[in-house]
Protein backbone atom coordinates (compact mmCIF):
# COMPACT_ATOMS: atom_id res chain seq x y z
CA GLN A 1 -6.24 3.39 -2.19
CA VAL A 2 -3.82 2.89 0.50
CA GLU A 3 -5.03 2.84 4.21
CA LEU A 4 -2.90 3.05 7.39
CA VAL A 5 -3.78 1.33 10.61
CA GLU A 6 -2.09 1.97 13.69
CA SER A 7 -2.11 -0.14 16.68
CA GLY A 8 -0.17 -1.04 19.79
CA GLY A 9 -0.68 2.04 21.80
CA GLY A 10 -2.07 2.20 25.56
CA SER A 11 -0.92 3.06 28.99
CA VAL A 12 2.33 2.12 30.35
CA GLN A 13 4.50 3.26 33.42
CA PRO A 14 7.70 5.13 32.93
CA GLY A 15 10.55 3.49 31.86
CA GLY A 16 8.53 0.93 30.11
CA SER A 17 8.45 0.06 26.21
CA LEU A 18 5.76 -0.28 23.66
CA ARG A 19 6.19 -1.24 19.96
CA LEU A 20 3.81 0.54 17.54
CA THR A 21 2.44 -0.97 14.52
CA CYS A 22 1.37 0.38 11.01
CA GLN A 23 -0.51 -1.90 8.82
CA VAL A 24 -0.42 -0.63 5.26
CA LEU A 25 -3.75 -1.90 3.68
CA GLY A 26 -5.10 -1.31 0.22
CA TYR A 27 -2.55 -2.70 -2.29
CA ALA A 28 0.78 -4.53 -2.20
CA TYR A 29 2.91 -1.67 -0.67
CA THR A 30 5.99 -4.23 -0.59
CA PHE A 31 8.27 -2.12 -2.91
CA SER A 32 10.82 -0.22 -2.05
CA GLY A 33 11.33 3.26 -2.20
CA HIS A 34 8.42 4.71 -0.30
CA CYS A 35 9.00 7.13 2.42
CA MET A 36 6.87 6.35 5.79
CA ALA A 37 7.10 8.06 8.91
CA TRP A 38 5.87 8.28 12.65
CA PHE A 39 4.76 11.53 13.91
CA ARG A 40 3.15 12.37 17.13
CA GLN A 41 0.62 14.98 18.75
CA ALA A 42 -0.12 15.64 22.40
CA PRO A 43 -3.11 17.87 23.34
CA GLY A 44 -2.49 21.41 22.78
CA LYS A 45 0.94 20.73 21.02
CA GLU A 46 1.78 20.86 17.62
CA ARG A 47 2.54 17.78 15.49
CA GLU A 48 5.93 16.64 15.62
CA GLY A 49 8.04 14.11 13.39
CA VAL A 50 9.53 11.24 15.44
CA ALA A 51 11.11 8.69 12.97
CA ALA A 52 11.10 7.98 9.16
CA MET A 53 12.61 5.83 6.45
CA VAL A 54 12.40 5.04 3.16
CA LEU A 55 11.27 1.69 2.51
CA GLY A 56 14.25 -0.89 2.24
CA ARG A 57 16.94 1.54 3.36
CA ASP A 58 18.47 2.44 6.55
CA PRO A 59 16.10 4.85 8.68
CA SER A 60 16.21 8.45 7.98
CA PRO A 61 18.06 10.86 10.45
CA TYR A 62 16.10 11.08 13.81
CA PRO A 63 15.38 14.52 15.19
CA ASP A 64 17.64 15.10 17.87
CA SER A 65 15.30 15.05 20.65
CA LYS A 66 14.27 11.41 19.45
CA LYS A 67 17.54 9.84 19.09
CA GLY A 68 18.34 6.89 21.21
CA ARG A 69 14.94 5.83 22.53
CA PHE A 70 12.88 5.56 19.17
CA THR A 71 13.84 3.08 16.54
CA ILE A 72 11.74 2.65 13.40
CA THR A 73 11.57 -0.57 11.20
CA HIS A 74 9.74 -2.26 8.31
CA ASP A 75 8.57 -5.69 7.55
CA ALA A 76 8.16 -5.78 3.75
CA ARG A 77 6.70 -9.25 4.06
CA LYS A 78 3.73 -8.10 6.20
CA THR A 79 3.56 -4.44 4.96
CA VAL A 80 3.57 -3.31 8.31
CA LEU A 81 6.07 -0.25 9.60
CA TYR A 82 7.11 -0.38 13.30
CA LEU A 83 8.09 2.27 16.02
CA GLN A 84 9.84 0.96 19.04
CA ILE A 85 9.78 3.13 21.92
CA ASP A 86 12.09 2.23 24.85
CA SER A 87 12.53 4.26 28.22
CA LEU A 88 9.26 5.86 27.86
CA LYS A 89 8.67 9.17 29.78
CA PRO A 90 5.45 11.24 30.69
CA GLU A 91 6.16 13.62 28.04
CA ASP A 92 5.82 11.01 25.28
CA SER A 93 2.33 10.78 25.83
CA ALA A 94 0.48 11.63 22.69
CA THR A 95 -1.36 10.31 19.91
CA TYR A 96 0.97 8.42 17.41
CA PHE A 97 0.41 8.66 13.56
CA CYS A 98 1.78 6.64 10.93
CA ALA A 99 2.12 8.59 7.42
CA SER A 100 3.19 7.82 3.94
CA ASP A 101 4.38 9.10 0.83
CA GLY A 102 6.32 11.90 1.93
CA GLY A 103 9.84 13.21 1.64
CA CYS A 104 12.44 11.13 3.81
CA GLY A 105 15.42 13.87 3.33
CA ASP A 106 17.51 15.55 5.95
CA SER A 107 15.18 17.75 8.55
CA TRP A 108 12.15 15.62 7.26
CA TRP A 109 10.49 16.37 10.29
CA ARG A 110 10.05 20.12 9.29
CA TRP A 111 7.67 19.09 6.53
CA PRO A 112 4.88 16.96 7.65
CA ASP A 113 2.46 18.44 5.15
CA THR A 114 4.33 16.59 2.37
CA PHE A 115 3.04 13.23 3.58
CA ARG A 116 -0.29 12.32 1.71
CA VAL A 117 -1.57 9.41 3.61
CA TRP A 118 -2.39 9.44 6.96
CA GLY A 119 -3.50 6.93 9.63
CA GLN A 120 -6.27 7.59 12.68
CA GLY A 121 -3.67 7.49 15.32
CA THR A 122 -3.07 5.28 18.43
CA PRO A 123 -2.77 6.89 21.96
CA VAL A 124 0.11 6.40 24.20
CA THR A 125 -0.18 7.69 27.90
CA VAL A 126 2.80 7.28 30.23
CA SER A 127 2.11 7.70 33.64
CA SER A 128 2.65 6.09 37.38
């Protein structure tokens, strides 16, 4: 059974950068074709999609509000999914979750419930 373990969150000042890591454990998740994504959820707010990709392919479209500062990448050799966040803003503060085996088509962020496996999340706090 696959397990997703996120890391890399923490406290950072506005304008800084972070790279979040999602380690895929449980089996050799190195084959292409699986859809994986990053979501985030702030206290009192709904979960929102940040970035997604089918492993081995280019990233899926980013939500308009996430274009430019968020970059999703994948290292197939290490079975790791990354999320680079640049120019961090206080409103980026949230718990970031890695998810797998969902749908990576257009507007993928509208259907988070299609993703079968979720990690425990890694918290990000942006403040001065």
